[in-house]
Amino acid sequence: MEIITVEEVQKVANLARLEFNEQETQEFTNHLARILAYIDKLNELDTTDVPPTSHVLRIKNDPDLKQGVVKPDEVKPSYLRETVLVTAPSAREGYFEVLKVIE
């Protein structure tokens, strides 16, 4: 049984709006097949004593850690709005004016 077929790669490429020639499609199929075979190999590992995690590293704010990932908020003095807006390339009605990025 094939792990992944050329047709499946073509379907996913189409959904992602990617265009591949025949050689590229075959290369991606082979590459993905190797990746999926490796994942199947990893599934053979006994992980019954391994607790489930959401991250590879303990990178969350955990009370057991000496320091969390994010620092607590700290209020610091800031510049006055008027002072900052004077240096802006373009400002209007008390705000920075930027080019439109969404139509």
PDB file of N, CA and C in Angstrom:
ATOM      1  N   MET A   1       0.837  -1.187   0.000  1.00  0.00           N
ATOM      2  CA  MET A   1       0.000   0.000   0.000  1.00  0.00           C
ATOM      3  C   MET A   1       0.880   1.248   0.000  1.00  0.00           C
ATOM      4  N   GLU A   2       0.567   2.172  -0.880  1.00  0.00           N
ATOM      5  CA  GLU A   2       1.300   3.424  -0.932  1.00  0.00           C
ATOM      6  C   GLU A   2       0.903   4.296   0.251  1.00  0.00           C
ATOM      7  N   ILE A   3       1.883   4.991   0.797  1.00  0.00           N
ATOM      8  CA  ILE A   3       1.602   5.896   1.904  1.00  0.00           C
ATOM      9  C   ILE A   3       0.872   7.132   1.391  1.00  0.00           C
ATOM     10  N   ILE A   4       1.322   7.645   0.258  1.00  0.00           N
ATOM     11  CA  ILE A   4       0.685   8.806  -0.368  1.00  0.00           C
ATOM     12  C   ILE A   4       0.823   8.656  -1.878  1.00  0.00           C
ATOM     13  N   THR A   5      -0.208   9.019  -2.581  1.00  0.00           N
ATOM     14  CA  THR A   5      -0.194   8.846  -4.032  1.00  0.00           C
ATOM     15  C   THR A   5       0.079  10.173  -4.735  1.00  0.00           C
ATOM     16  N   VAL A   6       0.450  10.071  -5.988  1.00  0.00           N
ATOM     17  CA  VAL A   6       0.665  11.259  -6.820  1.00  0.00           C
ATOM     18  C   VAL A   6      -0.629  12.063  -6.902  1.00  0.00           C
ATOM     19  N   GLU A   7      -1.750  11.361  -6.996  1.00  0.00           N
ATOM     20  CA  GLU A   7      -3.047  12.043  -7.090  1.00  0.00           C
ATOM     21  C   GLU A   7      -3.330  12.856  -5.826  1.00  0.00           C
ATOM     22  N   GLU A   8      -2.974  12.306  -4.663  1.00  0.00           N
ATOM     23  CA  GLU A   8      -3.190  13.037  -3.413  1.00  0.00           C
ATOM     24  C   GLU A   8      -2.311  14.292  -3.357  1.00  0.00           C
ATOM     25  N   VAL A   9      -1.079  14.173  -3.810  1.00  0.00           N
ATOM     26  CA  VAL A   9      -0.183  15.331  -3.845  1.00  0.00           C
ATOM     27  C   VAL A   9      -0.736  16.377  -4.803  1.00  0.00           C
ATOM     28  N   GLN A  10      -1.232  15.947  -5.955  1.00  0.00           N
ATOM     29  CA  GLN A  10      -1.809  16.886  -6.918  1.00  0.00           C
ATOM     30  C   GLN A  10      -3.038  17.582  -6.336  1.00  0.00           C
ATOM     31  N   LYS A  11      -3.860  16.830  -5.596  1.00  0.00           N
ATOM     32  CA  LYS A  11      -5.059  17.407  -4.994  1.00  0.00           C
ATOM     33  C   LYS A  11      -4.685  18.469  -3.959  1.00  0.00           C
ATOM     34  N   VAL A  12      -3.713  18.149  -3.090  1.00  0.00           N
ATOM     35  CA  VAL A  12      -3.283  19.110  -2.074  1.00  0.00           C
ATOM     36  C   VAL A  12      -2.627  20.324  -2.732  1.00  0.00           C
ATOM     37  N   ALA A  13      -1.827  20.090  -3.758  1.00  0.00           N
ATOM     38  CA  ALA A  13      -1.193  21.199  -4.483  1.00  0.00           C
ATOM     39  C   ALA A  13      -2.262  22.104  -5.083  1.00  0.00           C
ATOM     40  N   ASN A  14      -3.297  21.518  -5.633  1.00  0.00           N
ATOM     41  CA  ASN A  14      -4.392  22.294  -6.213  1.00  0.00           C
ATOM     42  C   ASN A  14      -5.100  23.118  -5.136  1.00  0.00           C
ATOM     43  N   LEU A  15      -5.353  22.506  -3.977  1.00  0.00           N
ATOM     44  CA  LEU A  15      -6.000  23.229  -2.882  1.00  0.00           C
ATOM     45  C   LEU A  15      -5.134  24.394  -2.400  1.00  0.00           C
ATOM     46  N   ALA A  16      -3.813  24.200  -2.431  1.00  0.00           N
ATOM     47  CA  ALA A  16      -2.880  25.247  -2.002  1.00  0.00           C
ATOM     48  C   ALA A  16      -2.548  26.208  -3.137  1.00  0.00           C
ATOM     49  N   ARG A  17      -3.171  25.988  -4.280  1.00  0.00           N
ATOM     50  CA  ARG A  17      -2.938  26.803  -5.471  1.00  0.00           C
ATOM     51  C   ARG A  17      -1.466  26.803  -5.886  1.00  0.00           C
ATOM     52  N   LEU A  18      -0.881  25.603  -5.843  1.00  0.00           N
ATOM     53  CA  LEU A  18       0.496  25.404  -6.289  1.00  0.00           C
ATOM     54  C   LEU A  18       0.479  24.645  -7.601  1.00  0.00           C
ATOM     55  N   GLU A  19       1.419  24.943  -8.449  1.00  0.00           N
ATOM     56  CA  GLU A  19       1.519  24.241  -9.723  1.00  0.00           C
ATOM     57  C   GLU A  19       2.869  23.541  -9.792  1.00  0.00           C
ATOM     58  N   PHE A  20       2.832  22.228 -10.047  1.00  0.00           N
ATOM     59  CA  PHE A  20       4.045  21.430 -10.179  1.00  0.00           C
ATOM     60  C   PHE A  20       4.025  20.716 -11.517  1.00  0.00           C
ATOM     61  N   ASN A  21       5.201  20.560 -12.105  1.00  0.00           N
ATOM     62  CA  ASN A  21       5.274  19.711 -13.291  1.00  0.00           C
ATOM     63  C   ASN A  21       5.343  18.256 -12.814  1.00  0.00           C
ATOM     64  N   GLU A  22       5.377  17.314 -13.747  1.00  0.00           N
ATOM     65  CA  GLU A  22       5.348  15.894 -13.377  1.00  0.00           C
ATOM     66  C   GLU A  22       6.533  15.501 -12.505  1.00  0.00           C
ATOM     67  N   GLN A  23       7.709  16.014 -12.847  1.00  0.00           N
ATOM     68  CA  GLN A  23       8.905  15.666 -12.071  1.00  0.00           C
ATOM     69  C   GLN A  23       8.800  16.207 -10.639  1.00  0.00           C
ATOM     70  N   GLU A  24       8.358  17.455 -10.495  1.00  0.00           N
ATOM     71  CA  GLU A  24       8.213  18.045  -9.165  1.00  0.00           C
ATOM     72  C   GLU A  24       7.161  17.302  -8.351  1.00  0.00           C
ATOM     73  N   THR A  25       6.069  16.921  -9.003  1.00  0.00           N
ATOM     74  CA  THR A  25       5.021  16.178  -8.314  1.00  0.00           C
ATOM     75  C   THR A  25       5.563  14.856  -7.799  1.00  0.00           C
ATOM     76  N   GLN A  26       6.328  14.162  -8.622  1.00  0.00           N
ATOM     77  CA  GLN A  26       6.908  12.886  -8.202  1.00  0.00           C
ATOM     78  C   GLN A  26       7.904  13.087  -7.059  1.00  0.00           C
ATOM     79  N   GLU A  27       8.715  14.151  -7.142  1.00  0.00           N
ATOM     80  CA  GLU A  27       9.678  14.438  -6.074  1.00  0.00           C
ATOM     81  C   GLU A  27       8.957  14.724  -4.757  1.00  0.00           C
ATOM     82  N   PHE A  28       7.898  15.529  -4.799  1.00  0.00           N
ATOM     83  CA  PHE A  28       7.131  15.819  -3.587  1.00  0.00           C
ATOM     84  C   PHE A  28       6.466  14.561  -3.052  1.00  0.00           C
ATOM     85  N   THR A  29       5.953  13.729  -3.941  1.00  0.00           N
ATOM     86  CA  THR A  29       5.326  12.481  -3.513  1.00  0.00           C
ATOM     87  C   THR A  29       6.337  11.616  -2.780  1.00  0.00           C
ATOM     88  N   ASN A  30       7.524  11.462  -3.342  1.00  0.00           N
ATOM     89  CA  ASN A  30       8.563  10.654  -2.702  1.00  0.00           C
ATOM     90  C   ASN A  30       8.987  11.254  -1.362  1.00  0.00           C
ATOM     91  N   HIS A  31       9.158  12.564  -1.351  1.00  0.00           N
ATOM     92  CA  HIS A  31       9.586  13.237  -0.125  1.00  0.00           C
ATOM     93  C   HIS A  31       8.533  13.078   0.975  1.00  0.00           C
ATOM     94  N   LEU A  32       7.275  13.323   0.645  1.00  0.00           N
ATOM     95  CA  LEU A  32       6.201  13.173   1.626  1.00  0.00           C
ATOM     96  C   LEU A  32       6.054  11.729   2.078  1.00  0.00           C
ATOM     97  N   ALA A  33       6.269  10.782   1.176  1.00  0.00           N
ATOM     98  CA  ALA A  33       6.199   9.364   1.545  1.00  0.00           C
ATOM     99  C   ALA A  33       7.268   9.038   2.581  1.00  0.00           C
ATOM    100  N   ARG A  34       8.469   9.583   2.406  1.00  0.00           N
ATOM    101  CA  ARG A  34       9.539   9.348   3.389  1.00  0.00           C
ATOM    102  C   ARG A  34       9.186   9.971   4.740  1.00  0.00           C
ATOM    103  N   ILE A  35       8.611  11.162   4.714  1.00  0.00           N
ATOM    104  CA  ILE A  35       8.214  11.819   5.965  1.00  0.00           C
ATOM    105  C   ILE A  35       7.143  10.999   6.676  1.00  0.00           C
ATOM    106  N   LEU A  36       6.136  10.568   5.935  1.00  0.00           N
ATOM    107  CA  LEU A  36       5.051   9.791   6.535  1.00  0.00           C
ATOM    108  C   LEU A  36       5.537   8.435   7.036  1.00  0.00           C
ATOM    109  N   ALA A  37       6.487   7.834   6.337  1.00  0.00           N
ATOM    110  CA  ALA A  37       7.066   6.565   6.794  1.00  0.00           C
ATOM    111  C   ALA A  37       7.808   6.773   8.109  1.00  0.00           C
ATOM    112  N   TYR A  38       8.503   7.887   8.228  1.00  0.00           N
ATOM    113  CA  TYR A  38       9.214   8.197   9.469  1.00  0.00           C
ATOM    114  C   TYR A  38       8.220   8.396  10.611  1.00  0.00           C
ATOM    115  N   ILE A  39       7.114   9.076  10.336  1.00  0.00           N
ATOM    116  CA  ILE A  39       6.084   9.270  11.356  1.00  0.00           C
ATOM    117  C   ILE A  39       5.510   7.925  11.778  1.00  0.00           C
ATOM    118  N   ASP A  40       5.272   7.034  10.820  1.00  0.00           N
ATOM    119  CA  ASP A  40       4.800   5.688  11.158  1.00  0.00           C
ATOM    120  C   ASP A  40       5.798   4.980  12.058  1.00  0.00           C
ATOM    121  N   LYS A  41       7.078   5.153  11.777  1.00  0.00           N
ATOM    122  CA  LYS A  41       8.125   4.542  12.598  1.00  0.00           C
ATOM    123  C   LYS A  41       8.069   5.105  14.018  1.00  0.00           C
ATOM    124  N   LEU A  42       7.866   6.414  14.142  1.00  0.00           N
ATOM    125  CA  LEU A  42       7.761   7.028  15.467  1.00  0.00           C
ATOM    126  C   LEU A  42       6.543   6.517  16.228  1.00  0.00           C
ATOM    127  N   ASN A  43       5.476   6.191  15.510  1.00  0.00           N
ATOM    128  CA  ASN A  43       4.268   5.672  16.157  1.00  0.00           C
ATOM    129  C   ASN A  43       4.492   4.319  16.811  1.00  0.00           C
ATOM    130  N   GLU A  44       5.583   3.641  16.462  1.00  0.00           N
ATOM    131  CA  GLU A  44       5.896   2.351  17.069  1.00  0.00           C
ATOM    132  C   GLU A  44       6.478   2.503  18.474  1.00  0.00           C
ATOM    133  N   LEU A  45       6.914   3.707  18.827  1.00  0.00           N
ATOM    134  CA  LEU A  45       7.511   3.932  20.143  1.00  0.00           C
ATOM    135  C   LEU A  45       6.476   3.783  21.244  1.00  0.00           C
ATOM    136  N   ASP A  46       6.912   3.202  22.360  1.00  0.00           N
ATOM    137  CA  ASP A  46       6.041   3.072  23.522  1.00  0.00           C
ATOM    138  C   ASP A  46       6.093   4.379  24.309  1.00  0.00           C
ATOM    139  N   THR A  47       5.010   5.107  24.308  1.00  0.00           N
ATOM    140  CA  THR A  47       4.963   6.393  25.003  1.00  0.00           C
ATOM    141  C   THR A  47       3.966   6.376  26.159  1.00  0.00           C
ATOM    142  N   THR A  48       3.669   5.196  26.675  1.00  0.00           N
ATOM    143  CA  THR A  48       2.666   5.101  27.739  1.00  0.00           C
ATOM    144  C   THR A  48       3.076   5.855  28.999  1.00  0.00           C
ATOM    145  N   ASP A  49       4.375   5.934  29.286  1.00  0.00           N
ATOM    146  CA  ASP A  49       4.841   6.638  30.483  1.00  0.00           C
ATOM    147  C   ASP A  49       5.225   8.090  30.212  1.00  0.00           C
ATOM    148  N   VAL A  50       4.971   8.567  29.015  1.00  0.00           N
ATOM    149  CA  VAL A  50       5.319   9.945  28.660  1.00  0.00           C
ATOM    150  C   VAL A  50       4.062  10.801  28.762  1.00  0.00           C
ATOM    151  N   PRO A  51       4.088  11.819  29.628  1.00  0.00           N
ATOM    152  CA  PRO A  51       2.886  12.650  29.761  1.00  0.00           C
ATOM    153  C   PRO A  51       2.656  13.480  28.500  1.00  0.00           C
ATOM    154  N   PRO A  52       1.403  13.684  28.134  1.00  0.00           N
ATOM    155  CA  PRO A  52       1.111  14.500  26.955  1.00  0.00           C
ATOM    156  C   PRO A  52       1.558  15.944  27.187  1.00  0.00           C
ATOM    157  N   THR A  53       2.018  16.577  26.128  1.00  0.00           N
ATOM    158  CA  THR A  53       2.457  17.964  26.213  1.00  0.00           C
ATOM    159  C   THR A  53       1.903  18.749  25.033  1.00  0.00           C
ATOM    160  N   SER A  54       1.875  20.045  25.199  1.00  0.00           N
ATOM    161  CA  SER A  54       1.473  20.899  24.081  1.00  0.00           C
ATOM    162  C   SER A  54       2.677  21.568  23.442  1.00  0.00           C
ATOM    163  N   HIS A  55       3.835  21.470  24.109  1.00  0.00           N
ATOM    164  CA  HIS A  55       5.073  22.041  23.595  1.00  0.00           C
ATOM    165  C   HIS A  55       6.207  21.046  23.823  1.00  0.00           C
ATOM    166  N   VAL A  56       7.209  21.123  22.990  1.00  0.00           N
ATOM    167  CA  VAL A  56       8.374  20.260  23.168  1.00  0.00           C
ATOM    168  C   VAL A  56       9.116  20.646  24.440  1.00  0.00           C
ATOM    169  N   LEU A  57       9.211  21.933  24.692  1.00  0.00           N
ATOM    170  CA  LEU A  57       9.879  22.441  25.883  1.00  0.00           C
ATOM    171  C   LEU A  57       8.842  23.010  26.835  1.00  0.00           C
ATOM    172  N   ARG A  58       9.200  23.115  28.095  1.00  0.00           N
ATOM    173  CA  ARG A  58       8.277  23.705  29.065  1.00  0.00           C
ATOM    174  C   ARG A  58       8.333  25.220  28.915  1.00  0.00           C
ATOM    175  N   ILE A  59       7.611  25.745  27.960  1.00  0.00           N
ATOM    176  CA  ILE A  59       7.677  27.178  27.680  1.00  0.00           C
ATOM    177  C   ILE A  59       6.368  27.881  28.014  1.00  0.00           C
ATOM    178  N   LYS A  60       5.825  27.545  29.128  1.00  0.00           N
ATOM    179  CA  LYS A  60       4.620  28.238  29.552  1.00  0.00           C
ATOM    180  C   LYS A  60       4.862  28.793  30.944  1.00  0.00           C
ATOM    181  N   ASN A  61       4.008  29.654  31.382  1.00  0.00           N
ATOM    182  CA  ASN A  61       4.135  30.180  32.732  1.00  0.00           C
ATOM    183  C   ASN A  61       3.719  29.094  33.706  1.00  0.00           C
ATOM    184  N   ASP A  62       4.711  28.437  34.267  1.00  0.00           N
ATOM    185  CA  ASP A  62       4.490  27.300  35.144  1.00  0.00           C
ATOM    186  C   ASP A  62       4.949  27.689  36.544  1.00  0.00           C
ATOM    187  N   PRO A  63       4.106  27.519  37.562  1.00  0.00           N
ATOM    188  CA  PRO A  63       4.520  27.902  38.914  1.00  0.00           C
ATOM    189  C   PRO A  63       5.762  27.148  39.396  1.00  0.00           C
ATOM    190  N   ASP A  64       6.038  25.969  38.842  1.00  0.00           N
ATOM    191  CA  ASP A  64       7.212  25.200  39.253  1.00  0.00           C
ATOM    192  C   ASP A  64       8.503  25.781  38.694  1.00  0.00           C
ATOM    193  N   LEU A  65       8.403  26.583  37.647  1.00  0.00           N
ATOM    194  CA  LEU A  65       9.593  27.185  37.060  1.00  0.00           C
ATOM    195  C   LEU A  65       9.993  28.418  37.859  1.00  0.00           C
ATOM    196  N   LYS A  66      11.274  28.707  37.855  1.00  0.00           N
ATOM    197  CA  LYS A  66      11.762  29.889  38.574  1.00  0.00           C
ATOM    198  C   LYS A  66      11.277  31.174  37.900  1.00  0.00           C
ATOM    199  N   GLN A  67      11.196  31.146  36.571  1.00  0.00           N
ATOM    200  CA  GLN A  67      10.764  32.331  35.825  1.00  0.00           C
ATOM    201  C   GLN A  67       9.842  31.886  34.701  1.00  0.00           C
ATOM    202  N   GLY A  68       8.780  32.614  34.480  1.00  0.00           N
ATOM    203  CA  GLY A  68       7.855  32.287  33.404  1.00  0.00           C
ATOM    204  C   GLY A  68       8.376  32.733  32.055  1.00  0.00           C
ATOM    205  N   VAL A  69       7.616  32.413  31.036  1.00  0.00           N
ATOM    206  CA  VAL A  69       7.981  32.781  29.675  1.00  0.00           C
ATOM    207  C   VAL A  69       7.811  34.279  29.466  1.00  0.00           C
ATOM    208  N   VAL A  70       6.720  34.793  29.938  1.00  0.00           N
ATOM    209  CA  VAL A  70       6.474  36.220  29.778  1.00  0.00           C
ATOM    210  C   VAL A  70       6.713  36.926  31.105  1.00  0.00           C
ATOM    211  N   LYS A  71       7.272  38.108  31.011  1.00  0.00           N
ATOM    212  CA  LYS A  71       7.510  38.890  32.218  1.00  0.00           C
ATOM    213  C   LYS A  71       6.209  39.577  32.611  1.00  0.00           C
ATOM    214  N   PRO A  72       6.059  39.869  33.879  1.00  0.00           N
ATOM    215  CA  PRO A  72       4.865  40.608  34.280  1.00  0.00           C
ATOM    216  C   PRO A  72       4.880  42.009  33.664  1.00  0.00           C
ATOM    217  N   ASP A  73       3.694  42.549  33.446  1.00  0.00           N
ATOM    218  CA  ASP A  73       3.596  43.897  32.902  1.00  0.00           C
ATOM    219  C   ASP A  73       4.239  44.892  33.859  1.00  0.00           C
ATOM    220  N   GLU A  74       4.907  45.852  33.267  1.00  0.00           N
ATOM    221  CA  GLU A  74       5.568  46.877  34.065  1.00  0.00           C
ATOM    222  C   GLU A  74       5.258  48.234  33.443  1.00  0.00           C
ATOM    223  N   VAL A  75       4.667  49.112  34.220  1.00  0.00           N
ATOM    224  CA  VAL A  75       4.317  50.436  33.727  1.00  0.00           C
ATOM    225  C   VAL A  75       5.581  51.284  33.688  1.00  0.00           C
ATOM    226  N   LYS A  76       5.836  51.880  32.525  1.00  0.00           N
ATOM    227  CA  LYS A  76       6.997  52.751  32.355  1.00  0.00           C
ATOM    228  C   LYS A  76       6.531  54.061  31.736  1.00  0.00           C
ATOM    229  N   PRO A  77       7.257  55.128  32.010  1.00  0.00           N
ATOM    230  CA  PRO A  77       6.867  56.404  31.400  1.00  0.00           C
ATOM    231  C   PRO A  77       7.010  56.346  29.885  1.00  0.00           C
ATOM    232  N   SER A  78       6.155  57.090  29.211  1.00  0.00           N
ATOM    233  CA  SER A  78       6.164  57.103  27.755  1.00  0.00           C
ATOM    234  C   SER A  78       6.202  58.546  27.264  1.00  0.00           C
ATOM    235  N   TYR A  79       6.400  58.692  25.971  1.00  0.00           N
ATOM    236  CA  TYR A  79       6.379  60.025  25.372  1.00  0.00           C
ATOM    237  C   TYR A  79       4.944  60.518  25.266  1.00  0.00           C
ATOM    238  N   LEU A  80       4.791  61.802  25.254  1.00  0.00           N
ATOM    239  CA  LEU A  80       3.473  62.383  25.023  1.00  0.00           C
ATOM    240  C   LEU A  80       3.080  62.170  23.567  1.00  0.00           C
ATOM    241  N   ARG A  81       1.807  61.959  23.329  1.00  0.00           N
ATOM    242  CA  ARG A  81       1.315  61.718  21.975  1.00  0.00           C
ATOM    243  C   ARG A  81       1.724  62.838  21.023  1.00  0.00           C
ATOM    244  N   GLU A  82       1.595  64.061  21.462  1.00  0.00           N
ATOM    245  CA  GLU A  82       1.918  65.198  20.603  1.00  0.00           C
ATOM    246  C   GLU A  82       3.394  65.186  20.198  1.00  0.00           C
ATOM    247  N   THR A  83       4.262  64.803  21.119  1.00  0.00           N
ATOM    248  CA  THR A  83       5.696  64.754  20.836  1.00  0.00           C
ATOM    249  C   THR A  83       6.000  63.709  19.770  1.00  0.00           C
ATOM    250  N   VAL A  84       5.358  62.569  19.865  1.00  0.00           N
ATOM    251  CA  VAL A  84       5.597  61.483  18.913  1.00  0.00           C
ATOM    252  C   VAL A  84       5.001  61.825  17.555  1.00  0.00           C
ATOM    253  N   LEU A  85       3.811  62.374  17.540  1.00  0.00           N
ATOM    254  CA  LEU A  85       3.146  62.675  16.271  1.00  0.00           C
ATOM    255  C   LEU A  85       3.873  63.750  15.474  1.00  0.00           C
ATOM    256  N   VAL A  86       4.612  64.614  16.139  1.00  0.00           N
ATOM    257  CA  VAL A  86       5.382  65.642  15.433  1.00  0.00           C
ATOM    258  C   VAL A  86       6.430  64.992  14.535  1.00  0.00           C
ATOM    259  N   THR A  87       6.971  63.850  14.952  1.00  0.00           N
ATOM    260  CA  THR A  87       8.016  63.175  14.167  1.00  0.00           C
ATOM    261  C   THR A  87       7.439  62.224  13.123  1.00  0.00           C
ATOM    262  N   ALA A  88       6.129  62.033  13.134  1.00  0.00           N
ATOM    263  CA  ALA A  88       5.507  61.096  12.188  1.00  0.00           C
ATOM    264  C   ALA A  88       5.515  61.676  10.781  1.00  0.00           C
ATOM    265  N   PRO A  89       5.712  60.819   9.765  1.00  0.00           N
ATOM    266  CA  PRO A  89       5.648  61.300   8.388  1.00  0.00           C
ATOM    267  C   PRO A  89       4.282  61.890   8.057  1.00  0.00           C
ATOM    268  N   SER A  90       3.235  61.304   8.660  1.00  0.00           N
ATOM    269  CA  SER A  90       1.888  61.797   8.403  1.00  0.00           C
ATOM    270  C   SER A  90       1.013  61.476   9.612  1.00  0.00           C
ATOM    271  N   ALA A  91       0.296  62.486  10.094  1.00  0.00           N
ATOM    272  CA  ALA A  91      -0.607  62.294  11.227  1.00  0.00           C
ATOM    273  C   ALA A  91      -1.894  63.055  10.950  1.00  0.00           C
ATOM    274  N   ARG A  92      -2.999  62.514  11.488  1.00  0.00           N
ATOM    275  CA  ARG A  92      -4.291  63.177  11.302  1.00  0.00           C
ATOM    276  C   ARG A  92      -5.163  62.874  12.515  1.00  0.00           C
ATOM    277  N   GLU A  93      -5.778  63.901  13.064  1.00  0.00           N
ATOM    278  CA  GLU A  93      -6.704  63.792  14.190  1.00  0.00           C
ATOM    279  C   GLU A  93      -6.098  63.029  15.369  1.00  0.00           C
ATOM    280  N   GLY A  94      -4.812  63.240  15.620  1.00  0.00           N
ATOM    281  CA  GLY A  94      -4.170  62.637  16.782  1.00  0.00           C
ATOM    282  C   GLY A  94      -3.685  61.212  16.597  1.00  0.00           C
ATOM    283  N   TYR A  95      -3.661  60.723  15.356  1.00  0.00           N
ATOM    284  CA  TYR A  95      -3.225  59.352  15.074  1.00  0.00           C
ATOM    285  C   TYR A  95      -2.204  59.345  13.943  1.00  0.00           C
ATOM    286  N   PHE A  96      -1.389  58.293  13.912  1.00  0.00           N
ATOM    287  CA  PHE A  96      -0.499  58.093  12.773  1.00  0.00           C
ATOM    288  C   PHE A  96      -1.349  57.793  11.551  1.00  0.00           C
ATOM    289  N   GLU A  97      -0.995  58.358  10.433  1.00  0.00           N
ATOM    290  CA  GLU A  97      -1.697  58.066   9.190  1.00  0.00           C
ATOM    291  C   GLU A  97      -0.783  57.185   8.347  1.00  0.00           C
ATOM    292  N   VAL A  98      -1.308  56.033   7.948  1.00  0.00           N
ATOM    293  CA  VAL A  98      -0.517  55.082   7.161  1.00  0.00           C
ATOM    294  C   VAL A  98      -1.246  54.763   5.866  1.00  0.00           C
ATOM    295  N   LEU A  99      -0.506  54.186   4.928  1.00  0.00           N
ATOM    296  CA  LEU A  99      -1.118  53.798   3.666  1.00  0.00           C
ATOM    297  C   LEU A  99      -2.122  52.677   3.883  1.00  0.00           C
ATOM    298  N   LYS A 100      -3.152  52.680   3.090  1.00  0.00           N
ATOM    299  CA  LYS A 100      -4.166  51.641   3.144  1.00  0.00           C
ATOM    300  C   LYS A 100      -3.555  50.321   2.682  1.00  0.00           C
ATOM    301  N   VAL A 101      -3.738  49.256   3.470  1.00  0.00           N
ATOM    302  CA  VAL A 101      -3.172  47.958   3.098  1.00  0.00           C
ATOM    303  C   VAL A 101      -4.246  46.933   2.752  1.00  0.00           C
ATOM    304  N   ILE A 102      -5.484  47.238   3.060  1.00  0.00           N
ATOM    305  CA  ILE A 102      -6.586  46.320   2.759  1.00  0.00           C
ATOM    306  C   ILE A 102      -7.595  47.058   1.901  1.00  0.00           C
ATOM    307  N   GLU A 103      -7.972  46.449   0.793  1.00  0.00           N
ATOM    308  CA  GLU A 103      -8.966  47.061  -0.095  1.00  0.00           C
ATOM    309  C   GLU A 103     -10.355  46.747   0.394  1.00  0.00           C
TER     310      GLU A 103
END
